[in-house]
Amino acid sequence: MKMERYGDMKNAEGYPDPTAGSVLRSVSPSIRRGDIYYIAVPYSTGHEMEKDRPGIIVSCDALNRTSPCVNVVMCSASGKREDLPEHITIRSTPVKSTAMCQHIYTVDKSRIGKKMGHITSAELEQVDIGIISALSLDFSENGGRAEQETTERAESGATDPAFQEDLRRTQIELDTYKRLYENLLDRVAVRANA
């Protein structure tokens, strides 16, 4: 069976299609969800991420194999300026970075540069949570009513002492779990480097 050259590709109707080759050349089966690649950012507007930087592939592997584009979450080597659920600390990059889960981009594979590594499954889980938070997705049975009820309760109970105590206790628990997670991740990283 003779292999067709990219320029000899035909579309579904059988006509020559010179763009078919360029699409197939841009599709790479080696790009996987969780991979960290250097992403070319040729321009930015307003508050978009500027300059070329590492990005974490977050699109599913089926799309990564077949699509000429992938979805990435951009990373920043600058320390966290704010303590947001969308900012995830990533230690799998050459320099400790922050995955900015509110900065999800669809990029053409031609903008993907050198592979810089692959994040751990725990980091990928945290990135997924950051994306869910950034997009305000709700996978609960009540379809988002819990978030709406919490918002309404916060607005109506802003002066309610019981509500304020619940809010404070929840924030302390969240901070504690976060510190425990980061300490555990630090220990795992030290053992892996030893």
Protein backbone atom coordinates (compact mmCIF):
# COMPACT_ATOMS: atom_id res chain seq x y z
CA MET A 1 0.00 0.00 0.00
CA LYS A 2 1.51 3.28 -1.11
CA MET A 3 1.57 6.12 1.48
CA GLU A 4 0.05 9.36 0.26
CA ARG A 5 2.10 12.49 0.57
CA TYR A 6 0.53 15.37 2.48
CA GLY A 7 0.09 17.36 -0.73
CA ASP A 8 -1.79 14.45 -2.36
CA MET A 9 -4.46 14.25 0.36
CA LYS A 10 -8.08 14.43 -0.72
CA ASN A 11 -11.18 15.65 1.10
CA ALA A 12 -14.34 13.59 1.72
CA GLU A 13 -15.60 14.28 -1.82
CA GLY A 14 -12.33 13.05 -3.35
CA TYR A 15 -10.99 16.46 -4.43
CA PRO A 16 -7.37 17.41 -3.71
CA ASP A 17 -7.15 19.25 -0.40
CA PRO A 18 -3.80 20.96 0.24
CA THR A 19 -4.86 21.91 3.79
CA ALA A 20 -5.32 18.27 4.84
CA GLY A 21 -1.57 17.78 5.00
CA SER A 22 -0.98 20.81 7.20
CA VAL A 23 -3.62 19.63 9.66
CA LEU A 24 -2.12 16.15 9.86
CA ARG A 25 1.38 17.56 10.30
CA SER A 26 0.20 19.65 13.24
CA VAL A 27 -1.44 16.68 14.99
CA SER A 28 0.94 15.01 17.42
CA PRO A 29 0.05 11.79 19.24
CA SER A 30 2.76 12.43 21.84
CA ILE A 31 1.05 15.38 23.56
CA ARG A 32 -0.71 14.16 26.70
CA ARG A 33 -2.94 15.70 29.35
CA GLY A 34 -0.72 16.92 32.19
CA ASP A 35 2.32 17.54 29.98
CA ILE A 36 4.12 20.85 30.52
CA TYR A 37 5.24 22.59 27.32
CA TYR A 38 6.75 25.96 26.60
CA ILE A 39 3.97 27.92 24.83
CA ALA A 40 4.66 30.77 22.40
CA VAL A 41 2.52 33.81 23.21
CA PRO A 42 3.04 36.09 20.20
CA TYR A 43 0.74 38.85 21.44
CA SER A 44 -1.53 39.73 24.32
CA THR A 45 -4.23 42.27 24.98
CA GLY A 46 -5.16 43.92 28.26
CA HIS A 47 -4.67 41.56 31.19
CA GLU A 48 -3.97 38.41 29.16
CA MET A 49 -0.83 36.44 29.99
CA GLU A 50 2.19 38.06 28.37
CA LYS A 51 5.40 36.55 26.95
CA ASP A 52 6.21 32.93 26.19
CA ARG A 53 5.77 30.68 29.22
CA PRO A 54 5.13 27.12 30.37
CA GLY A 55 1.62 25.78 29.97
CA ILE A 56 -0.03 22.61 31.25
CA ILE A 57 -2.01 20.61 28.68
CA VAL A 58 -5.52 20.16 30.13
CA SER A 59 -7.45 18.93 27.08
CA CYS A 60 -8.28 15.22 26.94
CA ASP A 61 -5.88 12.82 25.21
CA ALA A 62 -8.41 11.95 22.48
CA LEU A 63 -8.49 15.61 21.40
CA ASN A 64 -4.74 15.96 21.88
CA ARG A 65 -4.21 13.16 19.33
CA THR A 66 -6.71 14.36 16.72
CA SER A 67 -7.17 18.11 17.01
CA PRO A 68 -4.79 20.73 15.64
CA CYS A 69 -5.37 22.71 18.87
CA VAL A 70 -5.02 21.92 22.57
CA ASN A 71 -6.25 23.55 25.78
CA VAL A 72 -3.62 24.80 28.20
CA VAL A 73 -3.50 26.44 31.61
CA MET A 74 -0.69 28.97 31.70
CA CYS A 75 1.92 28.97 34.48
CA SER A 76 3.74 31.82 36.15
CA ALA A 77 7.07 31.62 37.97
CA SER A 78 6.10 34.70 39.96
CA GLY A 79 4.94 33.84 43.43
CA LYS A 80 1.26 33.81 44.25
CA ARG A 81 0.08 37.36 44.71
CA GLU A 82 -3.31 36.26 45.94
CA ASP A 83 -4.47 33.15 47.73
CA LEU A 84 -7.09 32.01 45.22
CA PRO A 85 -8.43 28.50 44.61
CA GLU A 86 -7.59 29.03 40.92
CA HIS A 87 -3.85 29.44 41.70
CA ILE A 88 -2.24 26.01 42.07
CA THR A 89 1.39 25.54 43.13
CA ILE A 90 3.24 23.30 40.66
CA ARG A 91 6.57 21.79 41.62
CA SER A 92 6.96 19.61 38.50
CA THR A 93 8.16 22.55 36.43
CA PRO A 94 11.91 23.33 36.34
CA VAL A 95 11.14 26.33 38.59
CA LYS A 96 8.36 26.23 41.21
CA SER A 97 5.39 27.81 39.42
CA THR A 98 1.78 28.73 39.85
CA ALA A 99 -0.79 27.27 37.46
CA MET A 100 -3.16 30.14 36.74
CA CYS A 101 -6.35 28.12 36.21
CA GLN A 102 -8.35 31.21 35.31
CA HIS A 103 -6.07 31.53 32.24
CA ILE A 104 -7.28 28.65 30.07
CA TYR A 105 -6.26 29.03 26.43
CA THR A 106 -6.92 27.11 23.24
CA VAL A 107 -3.68 27.17 21.28
CA ASP A 108 -2.68 25.83 17.90
CA LYS A 109 -0.07 23.08 18.16
CA SER A 110 2.31 25.20 16.11
CA ARG A 111 2.70 27.41 19.23
CA ILE A 112 3.87 24.48 21.36
CA GLY A 113 7.59 24.45 22.01
CA LYS A 114 9.90 22.29 24.09
CA LYS A 115 8.44 19.76 26.52
CA MET A 116 9.39 20.68 30.07
CA GLY A 117 7.94 17.74 31.99
CA HIS A 118 4.69 16.26 33.27
CA ILE A 119 2.78 17.21 36.42
CA THR A 120 1.99 14.65 39.10
CA SER A 121 -1.47 13.12 39.37
CA ALA A 122 -2.03 15.08 42.62
CA GLU A 123 -1.12 18.33 40.87
CA LEU A 124 -3.39 17.48 37.94
CA GLU A 125 -6.23 16.86 40.40
CA GLN A 126 -5.63 20.28 41.96
CA VAL A 127 -5.53 21.92 38.49
CA ASP A 128 -8.87 20.27 37.70
CA ILE A 129 -10.31 21.73 40.92
CA GLY A 130 -8.86 25.13 40.00
CA ILE A 131 -10.53 24.97 36.57
CA ILE A 132 -13.85 23.95 38.14
CA SER A 133 -13.57 26.93 40.48
CA ALA A 134 -12.53 29.34 37.70
CA LEU A 135 -15.47 28.32 35.51
CA SER A 136 -17.88 28.07 38.46
CA LEU A 137 -18.91 24.56 37.41
CA ASP A 138 -21.16 22.63 39.75
CA PHE A 139 -21.38 18.84 39.45
CA SER A 140 -23.66 18.37 42.44
CA GLU A 141 -27.13 16.92 42.16
CA ASN A 142 -28.83 20.24 42.84
CA GLY A 143 -27.22 21.84 39.78
CA GLY A 144 -25.74 24.98 41.31
CA ARG A 145 -28.44 25.76 43.82
CA ALA A 146 -26.02 25.17 46.73
CA GLU A 147 -23.71 27.95 45.50
CA GLN A 148 -26.68 30.28 45.00
CA GLU A 149 -28.03 29.45 48.48
CA THR A 150 -24.60 30.07 50.03
CA THR A 151 -24.35 33.42 48.25
CA GLU A 152 -27.84 34.41 49.37
CA ARG A 153 -27.07 33.32 52.94
CA ALA A 154 -23.83 35.29 52.91
CA GLU A 155 -25.62 38.40 51.65
CA SER A 156 -28.50 38.13 54.09
CA GLY A 157 -26.45 36.88 57.05
CA ALA A 158 -23.47 39.15 56.78
CA THR A 159 -24.21 40.45 60.26
CA ASP A 160 -25.44 37.12 61.70
CA PRO A 161 -22.87 36.04 64.36
CA ALA A 162 -23.59 32.32 63.83
CA PHE A 163 -22.97 32.66 60.10
CA GLN A 164 -19.76 34.61 60.70
CA GLU A 165 -18.55 31.87 63.08
CA ASP A 166 -19.33 29.15 60.49
CA LEU A 167 -17.51 31.14 57.82
CA ARG A 168 -14.46 31.65 60.06
CA ARG A 169 -14.35 27.95 61.02
CA THR A 170 -14.59 26.90 57.37
CA GLN A 171 -11.76 29.25 56.39
CA ILE A 172 -9.54 27.85 59.17
CA GLU A 173 -10.26 24.29 58.02
CA LEU A 174 -9.48 25.22 54.43
CA ASP A 175 -6.18 26.86 55.44
CA THR A 176 -5.24 23.83 57.56
CA TYR A 177 -5.90 21.34 54.76
CA LYS A 178 -3.98 23.51 52.34
CA ARG A 179 -0.93 23.69 54.64
CA LEU A 180 -1.06 19.91 55.23
CA TYR A 181 -1.25 19.27 51.48
CA GLU A 182 1.67 21.60 50.74
CA ASN A 183 3.80 20.07 53.53
CA LEU A 184 3.06 16.56 52.25
CA LEU A 185 3.89 17.59 48.69
CA ASP A 186 7.17 19.14 49.88
CA ARG A 187 8.11 15.90 51.66
CA VAL A 188 7.31 13.82 48.56
CA ALA A 189 9.36 16.17 46.40
CA VAL A 190 12.35 15.94 48.78
CA ARG A 191 12.18 12.14 48.79
CA ALA A 192 11.91 12.05 45.01
CA ASN A 193 15.01 14.25 44.66
CA ALA A 194 17.01 12.27 47.25
